[in-house]
Amino acid sequence: MNRIIAVIFTFCFMAQAQATEIAVVDFRAALLGSAMGQEAAKIPKQKVAEMDARLKQEQDALQAQANELKRDELTLSKEAFSARRQQLADSENKVRAMAASMQRQAKEMEQQLIQSLTPKGEAALKALIEERKLELVLNRQLSLYANADADITNELVLRINKEN
């Protein structure tokens, strides 16, 4: 009798496990890949490009300063060489700080962009979940393996585009 109950329980559990609809999604990629995300990202991308150009200018100036110091090394007095080497070190620190600040600003702009797009993305995802009767949706980055059919990122992009 116990074996029969165990077999019935096992079959019920297997049927329940097979009925579970699971999907994975890269929500960030869906938001940024949608038409709405592409449009909203234009200004931040432009600002990041401007920051990159400014950083490149500073790095080029720093490299020129280092080349000049190397060229003039033998003709400068010890004191003048030390002073210029200190200026170069200060300039290097300034460029490093600038790069870190720019990275932080770019990250903040991306977070603000994602935050502004999230409500519409969540609404589209909820509609997709209801339509496909999904019981579990995982972040694609957290899954070790997912069949391509389980990835609904592209469907979510299409749904976001359709709703806007």
C-alpha atoms as a PDB file:
ATOM      1  CA  MET A   1       0.000   0.000   0.000  1.00  0.00           C
ATOM      2  CA  ASN A   2       2.810   2.409   0.898  1.00  0.00           C
ATOM      3  CA  ARG A   3       4.512   1.650  -2.407  1.00  0.00           C
ATOM      4  CA  ILE A   4       1.357   2.461  -4.338  1.00  0.00           C
ATOM      5  CA  ILE A   5       1.001   5.781  -2.525  1.00  0.00           C
ATOM      6  CA  ALA A   6       4.678   6.568  -3.147  1.00  0.00           C
ATOM      7  CA  VAL A   7       4.314   5.766  -6.872  1.00  0.00           C
ATOM      8  CA  ILE A   8       1.172   7.903  -7.175  1.00  0.00           C
ATOM      9  CA  PHE A   9       2.876  10.745  -5.306  1.00  0.00           C
ATOM     10  CA  THR A  10       5.947  10.452  -7.569  1.00  0.00           C
ATOM     11  CA  PHE A  11       3.828  10.572 -10.733  1.00  0.00           C
ATOM     12  CA  CYS A  12       1.914  13.599  -9.430  1.00  0.00           C
ATOM     13  CA  PHE A  13       5.167  15.333  -8.567  1.00  0.00           C
ATOM     14  CA  MET A  14       6.650  14.539 -11.997  1.00  0.00           C
ATOM     15  CA  ALA A  15       3.535  15.833 -13.750  1.00  0.00           C
ATOM     16  CA  GLN A  16       3.689  19.035 -11.691  1.00  0.00           C
ATOM     17  CA  ALA A  17       7.406  19.481 -12.451  1.00  0.00           C
ATOM     18  CA  GLN A  18       6.813  19.008 -16.164  1.00  0.00           C
ATOM     19  CA  ALA A  19       4.009  21.570 -16.164  1.00  0.00           C
ATOM     20  CA  THR A  20       6.216  24.312 -14.744  1.00  0.00           C
ATOM     21  CA  GLU A  21       6.897  26.963 -17.348  1.00  0.00           C
ATOM     22  CA  ILE A  22      10.264  28.603 -16.784  1.00  0.00           C
ATOM     23  CA  ALA A  23      11.906  31.372 -18.793  1.00  0.00           C
ATOM     24  CA  VAL A  24      15.024  33.503 -18.596  1.00  0.00           C
ATOM     25  CA  VAL A  25      15.345  37.155 -19.527  1.00  0.00           C
ATOM     26  CA  ASP A  26      18.063  39.777 -19.684  1.00  0.00           C
ATOM     27  CA  PHE A  27      15.892  42.657 -18.492  1.00  0.00           C
ATOM     28  CA  ARG A  28      18.620  45.300 -18.840  1.00  0.00           C
ATOM     29  CA  ALA A  29      19.425  44.241 -22.405  1.00  0.00           C
ATOM     30  CA  ALA A  30      15.723  44.222 -23.278  1.00  0.00           C
ATOM     31  CA  LEU A  31      15.261  47.748 -21.942  1.00  0.00           C
ATOM     32  CA  LEU A  32      18.331  49.117 -23.701  1.00  0.00           C
ATOM     33  CA  GLY A  33      17.614  47.180 -26.892  1.00  0.00           C
ATOM     34  CA  SER A  34      14.075  48.465 -27.251  1.00  0.00           C
ATOM     35  CA  ALA A  35      13.282  51.457 -29.457  1.00  0.00           C
ATOM     36  CA  MET A  36      12.344  53.402 -26.338  1.00  0.00           C
ATOM     37  CA  GLY A  37      15.692  52.514 -24.737  1.00  0.00           C
ATOM     38  CA  GLN A  38      17.666  53.371 -27.854  1.00  0.00           C
ATOM     39  CA  GLU A  39      16.025  56.787 -28.036  1.00  0.00           C
ATOM     40  CA  ALA A  40      16.483  57.493 -24.338  1.00  0.00           C
ATOM     41  CA  ALA A  41      20.154  56.437 -24.505  1.00  0.00           C
ATOM     42  CA  LYS A  42      21.119  58.957 -27.207  1.00  0.00           C
ATOM     43  CA  ILE A  43      21.889  61.855 -24.851  1.00  0.00           C
ATOM     44  CA  PRO A  44      23.785  59.747 -22.282  1.00  0.00           C
ATOM     45  CA  LYS A  45      25.805  58.125 -25.089  1.00  0.00           C
ATOM     46  CA  GLN A  46      26.666  61.565 -26.426  1.00  0.00           C
ATOM     47  CA  LYS A  47      27.783  62.714 -22.967  1.00  0.00           C
ATOM     48  CA  VAL A  48      29.921  59.599 -22.518  1.00  0.00           C
ATOM     49  CA  ALA A  49      31.493  60.163 -25.944  1.00  0.00           C
ATOM     50  CA  GLU A  50      32.314  63.752 -24.947  1.00  0.00           C
ATOM     51  CA  MET A  51      33.836  62.552 -21.678  1.00  0.00           C
ATOM     52  CA  ASP A  52      35.898  59.950 -23.560  1.00  0.00           C
ATOM     53  CA  ALA A  53      37.183  62.593 -25.985  1.00  0.00           C
ATOM     54  CA  ARG A  54      38.151  64.874 -23.097  1.00  0.00           C
ATOM     55  CA  LEU A  55      39.914  62.014 -21.321  1.00  0.00           C
ATOM     56  CA  LYS A  56      41.771  61.115 -24.521  1.00  0.00           C
ATOM     57  CA  GLN A  57      42.935  64.745 -24.830  1.00  0.00           C
ATOM     58  CA  GLU A  58      44.222  64.702 -21.263  1.00  0.00           C
ATOM     59  CA  GLN A  59      45.984  61.374 -21.810  1.00  0.00           C
ATOM     60  CA  ASP A  60      47.608  62.679 -24.991  1.00  0.00           C
ATOM     61  CA  ALA A  61      48.768  65.817 -23.159  1.00  0.00           C
ATOM     62  CA  LEU A  62      50.149  63.646 -20.376  1.00  0.00           C
ATOM     63  CA  GLN A  63      52.008  61.468 -22.874  1.00  0.00           C
ATOM     64  CA  ALA A  64      53.459  64.582 -24.544  1.00  0.00           C
ATOM     65  CA  GLN A  65      54.556  65.885 -21.141  1.00  0.00           C
ATOM     66  CA  ALA A  66      56.248  62.533 -20.384  1.00  0.00           C
ATOM     67  CA  ASN A  67      57.998  62.541 -23.768  1.00  0.00           C
ATOM     68  CA  GLU A  68      59.256  66.094 -23.210  1.00  0.00           C
ATOM     69  CA  LEU A  69      60.599  65.171 -19.796  1.00  0.00           C
ATOM     70  CA  LYS A  70      62.371  62.145 -21.234  1.00  0.00           C
ATOM     71  CA  ARG A  71      63.833  64.244 -24.043  1.00  0.00           C
ATOM     72  CA  ASP A  72      65.012  67.002 -21.669  1.00  0.00           C
ATOM     73  CA  GLU A  73      66.193  64.685 -18.899  1.00  0.00           C
ATOM     74  CA  LEU A  74      69.913  65.032 -19.666  1.00  0.00           C
ATOM     75  CA  THR A  75      69.810  68.806 -20.128  1.00  0.00           C
ATOM     76  CA  LEU A  76      67.886  69.690 -16.957  1.00  0.00           C
ATOM     77  CA  SER A  77      69.375  70.276 -13.559  1.00  0.00           C
ATOM     78  CA  LYS A  78      68.484  67.793 -10.827  1.00  0.00           C
ATOM     79  CA  GLU A  79      66.102  70.267  -9.205  1.00  0.00           C
ATOM     80  CA  ALA A  80      64.353  71.159 -12.477  1.00  0.00           C
ATOM     81  CA  PHE A  81      64.087  67.484 -13.425  1.00  0.00           C
ATOM     82  CA  SER A  82      62.597  66.614 -10.018  1.00  0.00           C
ATOM     83  CA  ALA A  83      60.120  69.476 -10.273  1.00  0.00           C
ATOM     84  CA  ARG A  84      58.979  68.395 -13.745  1.00  0.00           C
ATOM     85  CA  ARG A  85      58.783  64.758 -12.676  1.00  0.00           C
ATOM     86  CA  GLN A  86      56.567  65.838  -9.767  1.00  0.00           C
ATOM     87  CA  GLN A  87      54.373  67.836 -12.193  1.00  0.00           C
ATOM     88  CA  LEU A  88      54.100  64.735 -14.372  1.00  0.00           C
ATOM     89  CA  ALA A  89      53.114  62.604 -11.370  1.00  0.00           C
ATOM     90  CA  ASP A  90      50.501  65.189 -10.378  1.00  0.00           C
ATOM     91  CA  SER A  91      49.147  65.211 -13.915  1.00  0.00           C
ATOM     92  CA  GLU A  92      48.969  61.398 -13.943  1.00  0.00           C
ATOM     93  CA  ASN A  93      47.010  61.463 -10.682  1.00  0.00           C
ATOM     94  CA  LYS A  94      44.671  64.095 -12.128  1.00  0.00           C
ATOM     95  CA  VAL A  95      44.018  61.979 -15.240  1.00  0.00           C
ATOM     96  CA  ARG A  96      43.398  58.841 -13.136  1.00  0.00           C
ATOM     97  CA  ALA A  97      40.952  60.740 -10.939  1.00  0.00           C
ATOM     98  CA  MET A  98      39.253  62.148 -14.037  1.00  0.00           C
ATOM     99  CA  ALA A  99      38.891  58.665 -15.539  1.00  0.00           C
ATOM    100  CA  ALA A 100      37.417  57.288 -12.302  1.00  0.00           C
ATOM    101  CA  SER A 101      35.005  60.205 -12.068  1.00  0.00           C
ATOM    102  CA  MET A 102      33.914  59.750 -15.668  1.00  0.00           C
ATOM    103  CA  GLN A 103      33.341  56.024 -15.146  1.00  0.00           C
ATOM    104  CA  ARG A 104      31.235  56.814 -12.084  1.00  0.00           C
ATOM    105  CA  GLN A 105      29.215  59.401 -14.019  1.00  0.00           C
ATOM    106  CA  ALA A 106      28.646  56.986 -16.914  1.00  0.00           C
ATOM    107  CA  LYS A 107      27.475  54.296 -14.486  1.00  0.00           C
ATOM    108  CA  GLU A 108      25.099  56.744 -12.809  1.00  0.00           C
ATOM    109  CA  MET A 109      23.663  57.817 -16.172  1.00  0.00           C
ATOM    110  CA  GLU A 110      23.077  54.180 -17.101  1.00  0.00           C
ATOM    111  CA  GLN A 111      21.381  53.478 -13.769  1.00  0.00           C
ATOM    112  CA  GLN A 112      19.127  56.518 -14.184  1.00  0.00           C
ATOM    113  CA  LEU A 113      18.263  55.425 -17.713  1.00  0.00           C
ATOM    114  CA  ILE A 114      17.409  51.884 -16.578  1.00  0.00           C
ATOM    115  CA  GLN A 115      15.382  53.272 -13.684  1.00  0.00           C
ATOM    116  CA  SER A 116      13.349  55.509 -16.002  1.00  0.00           C
ATOM    117  CA  LEU A 117      12.641  52.636 -18.420  1.00  0.00           C
ATOM    118  CA  THR A 118      11.875  49.975 -15.800  1.00  0.00           C
ATOM    119  CA  PRO A 119       8.137  50.677 -15.237  1.00  0.00           C
ATOM    120  CA  LYS A 120       7.282  50.198 -18.924  1.00  0.00           C
ATOM    121  CA  GLY A 121       9.566  47.177 -19.134  1.00  0.00           C
ATOM    122  CA  GLU A 122       7.963  45.605 -16.078  1.00  0.00           C
ATOM    123  CA  ALA A 123       4.488  46.135 -17.526  1.00  0.00           C
ATOM    124  CA  ALA A 124       5.539  44.472 -20.787  1.00  0.00           C
ATOM    125  CA  LEU A 125       7.165  41.604 -18.867  1.00  0.00           C
ATOM    126  CA  LYS A 126       4.029  41.049 -16.766  1.00  0.00           C
ATOM    127  CA  ALA A 127       1.918  40.910 -19.917  1.00  0.00           C
ATOM    128  CA  LEU A 128       4.335  38.406 -21.449  1.00  0.00           C
ATOM    129  CA  ILE A 129       4.295  36.290 -18.288  1.00  0.00           C
ATOM    130  CA  GLU A 130       0.490  36.192 -18.309  1.00  0.00           C
ATOM    131  CA  GLU A 131       0.331  35.474 -22.043  1.00  0.00           C
ATOM    132  CA  ARG A 132       2.781  32.569 -21.872  1.00  0.00           C
ATOM    133  CA  LYS A 133       1.517  31.433 -18.450  1.00  0.00           C
ATOM    134  CA  LEU A 134       5.023  31.454 -17.025  1.00  0.00           C
ATOM    135  CA  GLU A 135       5.474  30.318 -13.456  1.00  0.00           C
ATOM    136  CA  LEU A 136       9.104  31.361 -13.049  1.00  0.00           C
ATOM    137  CA  VAL A 137      11.262  33.959 -14.807  1.00  0.00           C
ATOM    138  CA  LEU A 138      14.959  34.083 -13.993  1.00  0.00           C
ATOM    139  CA  ASN A 139      17.590  36.675 -14.787  1.00  0.00           C
ATOM    140  CA  ARG A 140      19.683  35.227 -17.634  1.00  0.00           C
ATOM    141  CA  GLN A 141      22.943  36.160 -15.875  1.00  0.00           C
ATOM    142  CA  LEU A 142      21.966  34.034 -12.869  1.00  0.00           C
ATOM    143  CA  SER A 143      21.268  30.844 -14.814  1.00  0.00           C
ATOM    144  CA  LEU A 144      24.042  28.405 -15.618  1.00  0.00           C
ATOM    145  CA  TYR A 145      22.246  27.054 -18.654  1.00  0.00           C
ATOM    146  CA  ALA A 146      19.026  27.868 -20.430  1.00  0.00           C
ATOM    147  CA  ASN A 147      17.711  26.507 -23.678  1.00  0.00           C
ATOM    148  CA  ALA A 148      17.395  29.196 -26.352  1.00  0.00           C
ATOM    149  CA  ASP A 149      13.626  28.618 -26.370  1.00  0.00           C
ATOM    150  CA  ALA A 150      13.506  29.573 -22.692  1.00  0.00           C
ATOM    151  CA  ASP A 151      15.063  33.012 -23.332  1.00  0.00           C
ATOM    152  CA  ILE A 152      12.309  35.614 -23.705  1.00  0.00           C
ATOM    153  CA  THR A 153      14.563  38.672 -24.003  1.00  0.00           C
ATOM    154  CA  ASN A 154      13.825  39.238 -27.694  1.00  0.00           C
ATOM    155  CA  GLU A 155      10.104  38.741 -27.116  1.00  0.00           C
ATOM    156  CA  LEU A 156      10.260  41.320 -24.341  1.00  0.00           C
ATOM    157  CA  VAL A 157      11.976  43.825 -26.656  1.00  0.00           C
ATOM    158  CA  LEU A 158       9.231  43.284 -29.245  1.00  0.00           C
ATOM    159  CA  ARG A 159       6.541  43.698 -26.576  1.00  0.00           C
ATOM    160  CA  ILE A 160       8.092  46.928 -25.265  1.00  0.00           C
ATOM    161  CA  ASN A 161       8.329  48.271 -28.812  1.00  0.00           C
ATOM    162  CA  LYS A 162       4.718  47.287 -29.506  1.00  0.00           C
ATOM    163  CA  GLU A 163       3.405  49.028 -26.391  1.00  0.00           C
ATOM    164  CA  ASN A 164       5.164  52.321 -27.204  1.00  0.00           C
END
